[in-house]
Amino acid sequence: MRHQKTTIFTLIATIGLVQYTTANVVGCSAELEANIWNLNPIRRSNVNFTSNGASHQILFNLCSNTARECKLEGEGQGDETFAVLLLPNGKCHRLTEDDMDESEAKYFDSKAPEAGLSLNYESEEKCNDKENYGFTIDIKCDEDSDHAIPRVSDDSVSKSICHPRVYFESEAGCVTKSFSKVWKTFQDLAIGFGVFLLVLGVFMTFFGARYQAVTLFIAAFFAASFASLIFLYAIVLPSFTPDWVHMVVFFVCGLAGMLLGLFASMWTKVGIACLGGWVGCSSGYMVYDAVFSQLVSGRGAQFVFWFLILLFIIIGVLLALYIMNHAIAIGSSVVGAYALIRAFGIFIGGFPNEYLVYLEIQNGGYASMPDAFYIYLSFYVIVALCGIVVQEREVLKLKYQEYKDKKAGNSGNKNAGGEGEEIHEESKDDDESKPLIDKNKKDKKEKKDKKNKH
């Protein structure tokens, strides 16, 4: 069940993070061409080795920085690192940087991806005039290995200790999930998919409120599609599913999204609720990545993650229904900005894979966000605010024009009503005066007749 729940995040990440980068590493998790590895079984370890007759020790932690910090020569404070080389004299050297995006993942055997994974790290600390300190871990797949024992390759330290190579035989080297064929399909369409997200982002950010029916259709389409994916992969489908089934599932979920999208475009409240939920979900994910991924770990991390997602979805739906007149402008701007950063993530790379972040949460570790993520986050906030300002100005101008037209209409009706009253009064006067005229004529005639008699 645990694998079923996380499969959906792999699919979303595969669709939304088709990048030209070759690998993606977040904490205890790695992704290479949509093959996923969970490195949690070898998260923290140490290994001793001998070089030139002297004993050395390597302390490393694949999931977070080691407790031991080493400083560069001339610096006052130690810097965080994932691996430390301890020398016999008590000194130490950093073998990696403090960011996961400095690492490089590749296949242990390029001809057999299932054979294992190789992680390569490099530090800024100089080892000699020709190279810096570095560190490589080769993890060979062994599903029957209960306790992985790290070993240092003698060849890597026979002449120099600048770049030791450690190897394991562990289940951590086995692919946890594989969507390579599905990934290849999206990779072949990467440019088109990136352009689609770019156009969608611009439209939603700056023109969503102007074309409300289209915006509500898009919001409901994605909301229903992702909800269907979560239901099918978490409850219905088994953990390991053939690639052709994924294609069928995508088609079915897309059809469900189209049906709800058509319904939402006709029923405004349904569409606005979907838009609010979508905004809440994406906002909750971004808030967790930016803030809580560095604050919580252990079992509480998964609880905090889902609590934030559900809380933001509920807030998004209720807030959208409460401010319906402005919900489309605000919601479409936020969603459009997210689509834009995903588009740039496809072409530029550097945005963390959602599945790897969630897998890190399940492992109970800190999800180490690369520096590029915070650049994307800043860009996301700026674009969203710009979209809200632009669209809200149009909404307010439209509301003001409607108010003026309504006021002018009421004034016209009032004037028309006054003229009608005057006409009515004139008619009434005529009616009242007519009997008086007739009466005067009658009186004159009677007087004339009376005079003639006399």
Protein backbone atom coordinates (compact mmCIF):
# COMPACT_ATOMS: atom_id res chain seq x y z
CA MET A 1 0.00 0.00 0.00
CA ARG A 2 2.87 2.34 0.75
CA HIS A 3 4.28 1.83 -2.75
CA GLN A 4 0.83 2.30 -4.26
CA LYS A 5 0.40 5.66 -2.55
CA THR A 6 3.75 6.94 -3.75
CA THR A 7 3.36 5.74 -7.34
CA ILE A 8 1.07 8.65 -8.16
CA PHE A 9 3.79 11.14 -7.21
CA THR A 10 6.16 9.40 -9.61
CA LEU A 11 3.65 9.78 -12.43
CA ILE A 12 3.01 13.44 -11.69
CA ALA A 13 6.73 14.08 -11.46
CA THR A 14 7.35 12.19 -14.71
CA ILE A 15 4.76 14.31 -16.52
CA GLY A 16 5.68 17.63 -14.93
CA LEU A 17 9.45 17.30 -14.70
CA VAL A 18 10.61 16.10 -18.08
CA GLN A 19 14.02 17.74 -18.06
CA TYR A 20 17.20 17.65 -20.06
CA THR A 21 19.18 17.05 -16.90
CA THR A 22 20.37 13.46 -16.57
CA ALA A 23 19.65 12.90 -12.91
CA ASN A 24 17.85 14.20 -9.86
CA VAL A 25 18.95 13.53 -6.28
CA VAL A 26 17.05 14.60 -3.17
CA GLY A 27 18.29 13.25 0.14
CA CYS A 28 17.94 9.48 0.27
CA SER A 29 16.32 9.27 -3.14
CA ALA A 30 17.60 9.38 -6.70
CA GLU A 31 15.94 9.47 -10.11
CA LEU A 32 17.58 8.71 -13.43
CA GLU A 33 15.50 8.51 -16.62
CA ALA A 34 12.36 7.84 -14.54
CA ASN A 35 14.01 4.96 -12.66
CA ILE A 36 13.70 5.57 -8.92
CA TRP A 37 16.07 4.42 -6.16
CA ASN A 38 15.42 4.58 -2.44
CA LEU A 39 18.80 4.92 -0.72
CA ASN A 40 17.46 4.85 2.82
CA PRO A 41 19.01 1.43 3.71
CA ILE A 42 22.51 2.94 3.42
CA ARG A 43 21.68 6.41 4.67
CA ARG A 44 24.37 6.65 7.36
CA SER A 45 27.60 4.72 7.52
CA ASN A 46 31.36 4.85 7.90
CA VAL A 47 34.25 2.86 6.47
CA ASN A 48 37.92 2.48 7.34
CA PHE A 49 40.71 2.00 4.82
CA THR A 50 44.48 2.07 4.63
CA SER A 51 46.50 4.16 2.22
CA ASN A 52 50.30 4.37 2.15
CA GLY A 53 50.44 2.48 5.44
CA ALA A 54 48.17 4.96 7.27
CA SER A 55 44.63 4.37 8.48
CA HIS A 56 41.84 6.67 7.33
CA GLN A 57 38.13 6.83 7.91
CA ILE A 58 35.25 8.11 5.81
CA LEU A 59 32.06 9.30 7.51
CA PHE A 60 29.12 9.81 5.18
CA ASN A 61 25.38 10.29 5.22
CA LEU A 62 23.42 10.16 1.98
CA CYS A 63 20.24 11.60 3.50
CA SER A 64 21.53 14.68 5.27
CA ASN A 65 24.76 16.32 6.29
CA THR A 66 27.14 14.50 8.61
CA ALA A 67 27.49 15.51 12.23
CA ARG A 68 31.19 16.19 11.67
CA GLU A 69 31.99 19.50 9.97
CA CYS A 70 35.25 20.41 8.30
CA LYS A 71 36.43 23.89 7.44
CA LEU A 72 38.37 24.99 4.42
CA GLU A 73 41.91 26.13 5.10
CA GLY A 74 41.87 29.71 6.34
CA GLU A 75 38.17 29.72 7.23
CA GLY A 76 36.94 30.08 10.78
CA GLN A 77 33.87 27.83 10.79
CA GLY A 78 33.17 24.36 9.55
CA ASP A 79 30.93 23.74 6.56
CA GLU A 80 28.25 21.09 6.26
CA THR A 81 29.01 18.15 4.01
CA PHE A 82 27.66 14.70 3.18
CA ALA A 83 31.03 12.96 3.52
CA VAL A 84 34.14 13.63 5.60
CA LEU A 85 37.63 12.15 5.28
CA LEU A 86 39.31 11.77 8.69
CA LEU A 87 43.12 11.68 8.72
CA PRO A 88 45.33 9.94 11.30
CA ASN A 89 46.46 13.33 12.67
CA GLY A 90 42.88 14.27 13.54
CA LYS A 91 42.37 16.65 10.64
CA CYS A 92 39.51 16.23 8.20
CA HIS A 93 38.63 17.14 4.64
CA ARG A 94 35.27 17.70 2.99
CA LEU A 95 34.53 15.23 0.22
CA THR A 96 31.26 16.86 -0.91
CA GLU A 97 29.46 20.18 -0.91
CA ASP A 98 26.43 20.89 1.28
CA ASP A 99 23.84 20.78 -1.54
CA MET A 100 22.42 17.67 -3.14
CA ASP A 101 22.36 19.35 -6.55
CA GLU A 102 26.16 19.17 -6.52
CA SER A 103 25.95 15.38 -6.85
CA GLU A 104 25.81 13.39 -10.07
CA ALA A 105 23.95 10.11 -10.52
CA LYS A 106 24.59 7.61 -13.27
CA TYR A 107 24.09 3.91 -13.91
CA PHE A 108 26.53 1.49 -12.34
CA ASP A 109 26.37 -0.32 -15.69
CA SER A 110 25.08 1.78 -18.59
CA LYS A 111 24.04 -1.37 -20.48
CA ALA A 112 22.08 -2.74 -17.51
CA PRO A 113 20.25 0.00 -15.55
CA GLU A 114 18.88 -2.56 -13.13
CA ALA A 115 22.43 -3.50 -12.02
CA GLY A 116 22.81 -0.53 -9.71
CA LEU A 117 23.54 3.16 -9.25
CA SER A 118 26.66 5.27 -8.96
CA LEU A 119 26.71 8.61 -7.10
CA ASN A 120 29.57 11.03 -7.62
CA TYR A 121 30.34 14.03 -5.38
CA GLU A 122 33.00 16.71 -5.58
CA SER A 123 34.13 19.28 -3.04
CA GLU A 124 35.51 22.78 -3.54
CA GLU A 125 38.37 21.90 -1.23
CA LYS A 126 41.67 21.45 -3.06
CA CYS A 127 43.47 18.16 -2.62
CA ASN A 128 46.44 19.07 -4.80
CA ASP A 129 47.25 21.31 -7.73
CA LYS A 130 45.37 19.07 -10.17
CA GLU A 131 42.19 17.98 -8.40
CA ASN A 132 39.77 18.65 -5.57
CA TYR A 133 38.60 16.23 -2.93
CA GLY A 134 35.69 14.06 -4.01
CA PHE A 135 33.75 10.92 -3.25
CA THR A 136 32.04 8.19 -5.28
CA ILE A 137 29.58 5.55 -4.08
CA ASP A 138 28.82 2.51 -6.23
CA ILE A 139 25.67 0.68 -5.12
CA LYS A 140 25.21 -2.71 -6.72
CA CYS A 141 21.73 -4.21 -6.63
CA ASP A 142 21.35 -7.14 -4.22
CA GLU A 143 17.77 -7.71 -3.07
CA ASP A 144 18.85 -10.39 -0.57
CA SER A 145 21.33 -8.19 1.26
CA ASP A 146 20.06 -7.57 4.79
CA HIS A 147 23.03 -5.55 5.99
CA ALA A 148 25.12 -3.64 3.48
CA ILE A 149 28.81 -3.42 4.33
CA PRO A 150 30.71 -0.54 2.70
CA ARG A 151 34.15 -1.20 1.25
CA VAL A 152 36.72 1.11 -0.26
CA SER A 153 38.17 0.29 -3.65
CA ASP A 154 41.91 -0.21 -3.24
CA ASP A 155 42.60 1.19 -6.70
CA SER A 156 40.95 4.50 -5.79
CA VAL A 157 43.29 5.13 -2.83
CA SER A 158 46.45 3.33 -3.89
CA LYS A 159 48.11 6.50 -5.19
CA SER A 160 46.00 9.30 -3.75
CA ILE A 161 43.24 9.78 -1.19
CA CYS A 162 41.73 12.73 -3.05
CA HIS A 163 38.77 10.77 -4.42
CA PRO A 164 38.03 7.50 -2.59
CA ARG A 165 35.53 5.12 -4.14
CA VAL A 166 33.15 3.22 -1.83
CA TYR A 167 31.01 0.32 -3.02
CA PHE A 168 28.03 -1.54 -1.56
CA GLU A 169 26.01 -4.59 -2.38
CA SER A 170 22.57 -3.59 -1.16
CA GLU A 171 18.87 -3.51 -1.94
CA ALA A 172 19.32 0.26 -2.17
CA GLY A 173 20.95 -0.32 -5.55
CA CYS A 174 17.80 -1.93 -6.93
CA VAL A 175 15.29 0.16 -8.85
CA THR A 176 12.27 0.87 -6.64
CA LYS A 177 10.03 2.17 -9.42
CA SER A 178 10.53 2.29 -13.15
CA PHE A 179 8.62 4.40 -15.64
CA SER A 180 11.36 4.43 -18.25
CA LYS A 181 9.11 3.76 -21.27
CA VAL A 182 6.53 6.31 -20.17
CA TRP A 183 9.33 8.75 -19.43
CA LYS A 184 10.80 8.20 -22.89
CA THR A 185 7.46 9.12 -24.46
CA PHE A 186 7.33 12.39 -22.57
CA GLN A 187 11.03 12.99 -23.17
CA ASP A 188 10.45 12.74 -26.92
CA LEU A 189 7.69 15.33 -26.55
CA ALA A 190 9.59 17.49 -24.05
CA ILE A 191 9.80 20.59 -26.23
CA GLY A 192 6.13 20.47 -27.16
CA PHE A 193 5.12 19.79 -23.57
CA GLY A 194 7.26 22.67 -22.32
CA VAL A 195 5.76 25.04 -24.89
CA PHE A 196 2.27 23.88 -23.88
CA LEU A 197 2.97 24.64 -20.21
CA LEU A 198 4.47 27.99 -21.18
CA VAL A 199 1.40 29.02 -23.20
CA LEU A 200 -0.93 27.67 -20.52
CA GLY A 201 0.96 29.58 -17.83
CA VAL A 202 0.83 32.91 -19.70
CA PHE A 203 -2.86 32.46 -20.48
CA MET A 204 -3.85 31.52 -16.92
CA THR A 205 -1.66 34.17 -15.28
CA PHE A 206 -2.75 37.18 -17.30
CA PHE A 207 -5.96 36.29 -19.16
CA GLY A 208 -7.72 33.69 -17.02
CA ALA A 209 -10.37 36.05 -15.63
CA ARG A 210 -11.23 37.36 -19.11
CA TYR A 211 -12.08 33.88 -20.40
CA GLN A 212 -13.78 32.41 -17.36
CA ALA A 213 -15.35 29.37 -19.00
CA VAL A 214 -11.99 28.22 -20.42
CA THR A 215 -10.23 28.81 -17.10
CA LEU A 216 -12.80 26.84 -15.13
CA PHE A 217 -12.61 24.01 -17.67
CA ILE A 218 -8.82 23.81 -17.30
CA ALA A 219 -9.00 23.91 -13.49
CA ALA A 220 -11.61 21.16 -13.31
CA PHE A 221 -9.80 19.08 -15.94
CA PHE A 222 -6.56 18.92 -13.96
CA ALA A 223 -8.32 18.53 -10.62
CA ALA A 224 -10.38 15.56 -11.84
CA SER A 225 -7.46 13.99 -13.72
CA PHE A 226 -5.13 14.03 -10.71
CA ALA A 227 -7.88 12.91 -8.32
CA SER A 228 -8.59 9.96 -10.63
CA LEU A 229 -4.90 9.09 -10.78
CA ILE A 230 -4.64 9.12 -6.99
CA PHE A 231 -7.70 6.88 -6.65
CA LEU A 232 -6.57 4.35 -9.26
CA TYR A 233 -2.95 4.04 -8.13
CA ALA A 234 -3.62 4.16 -4.39
CA ILE A 235 -6.56 1.75 -4.31
CA VAL A 236 -7.14 -0.14 -7.57
CA LEU A 237 -3.85 -0.87 -9.35
CA PRO A 238 -1.04 -3.05 -7.95
CA SER A 239 2.38 -1.67 -7.04
CA PHE A 240 4.07 -2.80 -10.24
CA THR A 241 2.01 -2.04 -13.32
CA PRO A 242 2.93 -2.68 -16.99
CA ASP A 243 3.72 0.40 -19.06
CA TRP A 244 0.74 -0.09 -21.39
CA VAL A 245 -1.60 0.09 -18.38
CA HIS A 246 -0.18 3.51 -17.51
CA MET A 247 -1.18 4.77 -20.95
CA VAL A 248 -4.72 3.43 -20.51
CA VAL A 249 -4.93 5.03 -17.07
CA PHE A 250 -3.79 8.39 -18.46
CA PHE A 251 -6.50 8.20 -21.13
CA VAL A 252 -9.24 7.29 -18.64
CA CYS A 253 -8.22 10.00 -16.18
CA GLY A 254 -7.99 12.53 -19.00
CA LEU A 255 -11.52 11.61 -20.07
CA ALA A 256 -12.75 12.07 -16.49
CA GLY A 257 -11.06 15.46 -16.43
CA MET A 258 -12.76 16.54 -19.65
CA LEU A 259 -16.19 15.54 -18.35
CA LEU A 260 -15.78 17.48 -15.11
CA GLY A 261 -14.25 20.36 -17.06
CA LEU A 262 -17.33 20.63 -19.29
CA PHE A 263 -19.57 20.45 -16.23
CA ALA A 264 -17.52 23.14 -14.43
CA SER A 265 -17.61 25.48 -17.41
CA MET A 266 -21.43 25.39 -17.21
CA TRP A 267 -21.70 25.46 -13.40
CA THR A 268 -19.51 28.28 -12.13
CA LYS A 269 -19.39 27.25 -8.47
CA VAL A 270 -18.08 23.77 -9.34
CA GLY A 271 -15.32 25.26 -11.46
CA ILE A 272 -14.36 27.82 -8.84
CA ALA A 273 -14.20 25.09 -6.16
CA CYS A 274 -11.89 23.02 -8.40
CA LEU A 275 -9.72 26.08 -9.05
CA GLY A 276 -9.50 26.85 -5.34
CA GLY A 277 -8.58 23.25 -4.52
CA TRP A 278 -5.90 23.20 -7.20
CA VAL A 279 -4.40 26.45 -5.93
CA GLY A 280 -4.49 25.15 -2.37
CA CYS A 281 -2.78 21.88 -3.25
CA SER A 282 0.08 23.48 -5.18
CA SER A 283 0.50 26.19 -2.54
CA GLY A 284 0.63 23.63 0.26
CA TYR A 285 3.31 21.67 -1.56
CA MET A 286 5.41 24.79 -2.15
CA VAL A 287 5.07 25.88 1.49
CA TYR A 288 6.21 22.46 2.72
CA ASP A 289 9.21 22.45 0.39
CA ALA A 290 10.23 26.00 1.26
CA VAL A 291 9.74 25.88 5.04
CA PHE A 292 8.84 22.59 6.70
CA SER A 293 11.16 20.31 4.70
CA GLN A 294 14.02 21.79 6.71
CA LEU A 295 12.22 21.75 10.06
CA VAL A 296 10.55 18.36 10.48
CA SER A 297 11.80 14.81 10.11
CA GLY A 298 10.89 11.31 11.20
CA ARG A 299 7.31 10.08 11.19
CA GLY A 300 6.03 13.59 11.81
CA ALA A 301 7.25 14.72 8.39
CA GLN A 302 4.68 12.65 6.51
CA PHE A 303 1.89 13.81 8.82
CA VAL A 304 2.87 17.47 8.40
CA PHE A 305 3.05 17.05 4.62
CA TRP A 306 -0.46 15.61 4.23
CA PHE A 307 -1.89 17.94 6.86
CA LEU A 308 -0.61 20.97 4.94
CA ILE A 309 -1.88 19.66 1.61
CA LEU A 310 -5.39 18.94 2.93
CA LEU A 311 -5.50 22.16 4.95
CA PHE A 312 -4.54 24.30 1.97
CA ILE A 313 -7.03 22.49 -0.28
CA ILE A 314 -9.89 23.15 2.18
CA ILE A 315 -8.83 26.78 2.63
CA GLY A 316 -8.51 27.20 -1.12
CA VAL A 317 -12.01 25.85 -1.83
CA LEU A 318 -13.73 27.85 0.93
CA LEU A 319 -11.88 31.05 0.12
CA ALA A 320 -12.61 30.71 -3.59
CA LEU A 321 -16.33 30.27 -2.95
CA TYR A 322 -16.34 33.20 -0.52
CA ILE A 323 -14.69 35.65 -2.91
CA MET A 324 -16.24 34.36 -6.11
CA ASN A 325 -15.96 37.72 -7.89
CA HIS A 326 -12.17 37.67 -7.49
CA ALA A 327 -11.47 33.93 -7.18
CA ILE A 328 -10.92 33.33 -10.89
CA ALA A 329 -8.47 36.23 -11.23
CA ILE A 330 -6.46 35.25 -8.16
CA GLY A 331 -6.67 31.49 -8.66
CA SER A 332 -5.75 31.53 -12.34
CA SER A 333 -2.76 33.80 -11.60
CA VAL A 334 -1.41 31.43 -8.95
CA VAL A 335 -1.94 28.32 -11.07
CA GLY A 336 -0.55 30.02 -14.16
CA ALA A 337 2.61 31.06 -12.33
CA TYR A 338 3.13 27.46 -11.21
CA ALA A 339 2.71 26.26 -14.81
CA LEU A 340 5.32 28.79 -15.92
CA ILE A 341 7.97 27.62 -13.46
CA ARG A 342 7.29 24.01 -14.47
CA ALA A 343 7.83 25.03 -18.10
CA PHE A 344 11.14 26.66 -17.22
CA GLY A 345 11.98 23.58 -15.16
CA ILE A 346 11.65 21.47 -18.31
CA PHE A 347 14.02 23.61 -20.35
CA ILE A 348 16.45 24.69 -17.63
CA GLY A 349 16.20 21.96 -14.99
CA GLY A 350 16.92 22.29 -11.27
CA PHE A 351 13.39 22.00 -9.91
CA PRO A 352 13.21 19.07 -7.44
CA ASN A 353 11.22 16.02 -8.42
CA GLU A 354 8.03 15.85 -6.32
CA TYR A 355 8.25 12.10 -5.92
CA LEU A 356 11.79 12.28 -4.54
CA VAL A 357 10.70 14.90 -2.02
CA TYR A 358 7.77 12.76 -0.90
CA LEU A 359 9.95 9.64 -0.73
CA GLU A 360 12.36 11.57 1.46
CA ILE A 361 9.44 12.49 3.71
CA GLN A 362 8.47 8.82 3.98
CA ASN A 363 12.05 7.96 4.88
CA GLY A 364 11.76 10.38 7.79
CA GLY A 365 14.60 12.62 6.66
CA TYR A 366 15.02 16.23 5.72
CA ALA A 367 14.20 16.92 2.10
CA SER A 368 17.28 18.79 0.93
CA MET A 369 16.12 21.43 -1.52
CA PRO A 370 18.66 22.59 -4.13
CA ASP A 371 19.46 26.29 -4.34
CA ALA A 372 17.70 26.48 -7.72
CA PHE A 373 14.40 25.63 -6.01
CA TYR A 374 14.40 28.90 -4.06
CA ILE A 375 15.11 30.83 -7.26
CA TYR A 376 12.08 29.14 -8.84
CA LEU A 377 10.04 29.87 -5.71
CA SER A 378 10.90 33.58 -5.85
CA PHE A 379 10.04 33.68 -9.54
CA TYR A 380 6.76 31.90 -8.82
CA VAL A 381 5.72 34.44 -6.17
CA ILE A 382 6.67 37.44 -8.32
CA VAL A 383 4.84 36.17 -11.42
CA ALA A 384 1.76 35.23 -9.38
CA LEU A 385 1.59 38.70 -7.81
CA CYS A 386 2.02 40.37 -11.20
CA GLY A 387 -0.79 38.25 -12.62
CA ILE A 388 -3.07 39.07 -9.69
CA VAL A 389 -2.43 42.81 -10.08
CA VAL A 390 -3.04 42.77 -13.85
CA GLN A 391 -6.20 40.67 -13.68
CA GLU A 392 -7.63 42.38 -10.61
CA ARG A 393 -7.29 45.75 -12.35
CA GLU A 394 -9.35 44.41 -15.24
CA VAL A 395 -11.92 42.90 -12.89
CA LEU A 396 -12.26 46.14 -10.92
CA LYS A 397 -12.52 48.20 -14.13
CA LEU A 398 -15.25 45.88 -15.36
CA LYS A 399 -17.11 46.08 -12.05
CA TYR A 400 -16.83 49.88 -12.05
CA GLN A 401 -18.15 50.07 -15.61
CA GLU A 402 -21.06 47.82 -14.68
CA TYR A 403 -21.77 50.09 -11.71
CA LYS A 404 -21.74 53.19 -13.94
CA ASP A 405 -24.02 51.54 -16.51
CA LYS A 406 -26.41 50.45 -13.78
CA LYS A 407 -26.43 53.92 -12.24
CA ALA A 408 -27.04 55.51 -15.64
CA GLY A 409 -29.85 53.06 -16.28
CA ASN A 410 -31.54 53.87 -12.99
CA SER A 411 -31.27 57.60 -13.72
CA GLY A 412 -32.82 57.11 -17.15
CA ASN A 413 -35.68 55.12 -15.72
CA LYS A 414 -36.30 57.83 -13.14
CA ASN A 415 -36.46 60.57 -15.80
CA ALA A 416 -38.71 58.48 -17.97
CA GLY A 417 -40.98 57.94 -14.99
CA GLY A 418 -41.21 61.73 -14.34
CA GLU A 419 -42.23 62.49 -17.91
CA GLY A 420 -44.90 59.84 -17.70
CA GLU A 421 -46.31 61.42 -14.57
CA GLU A 422 -46.48 64.84 -16.27
CA ILE A 423 -48.33 63.40 -19.25
CA HIS A 424 -50.66 61.63 -16.89
CA GLU A 425 -51.29 64.87 -14.97
CA GLU A 426 -51.98 66.75 -18.20
CA SER A 427 -54.46 64.11 -19.25
CA LYS A 428 -56.04 64.29 -15.86
CA ASP A 429 -56.34 68.08 -16.08
CA ASP A 430 -57.92 67.81 -19.49
CA ASP A 431 -60.39 65.33 -18.19
CA GLU A 432 -61.20 67.53 -15.25
CA SER A 433 -61.39 70.74 -17.32
CA LYS A 434 -63.61 69.29 -19.98
CA PRO A 435 -66.69 69.05 -17.75
CA LEU A 436 -66.09 72.62 -16.58
CA ILE A 437 -66.09 73.94 -20.15
CA ASP A 438 -69.22 72.03 -20.97
CA LYS A 439 -70.86 73.39 -17.83
CA ASN A 440 -70.03 76.98 -18.74
CA LYS A 441 -71.47 76.50 -22.22
CA LYS A 442 -74.61 75.03 -20.73
CA ASP A 443 -74.97 77.95 -18.31
CA LYS A 444 -74.56 80.48 -21.12
CA LYS A 445 -77.15 78.70 -23.26
CA GLU A 446 -79.64 78.62 -20.40
CA LYS A 447 -79.18 82.33 -19.77
CA LYS A 448 -79.67 83.10 -23.48
CA ASP A 449 -82.87 81.04 -23.66
CA LYS A 450 -84.21 82.69 -20.53
CA LYS A 451 -83.51 86.15 -21.98
CA ASN A 452 -85.32 85.33 -25.23
CA LYS A 453 -88.44 84.32 -23.30
CA HIS A 454 -88.58 87.62 -21.62
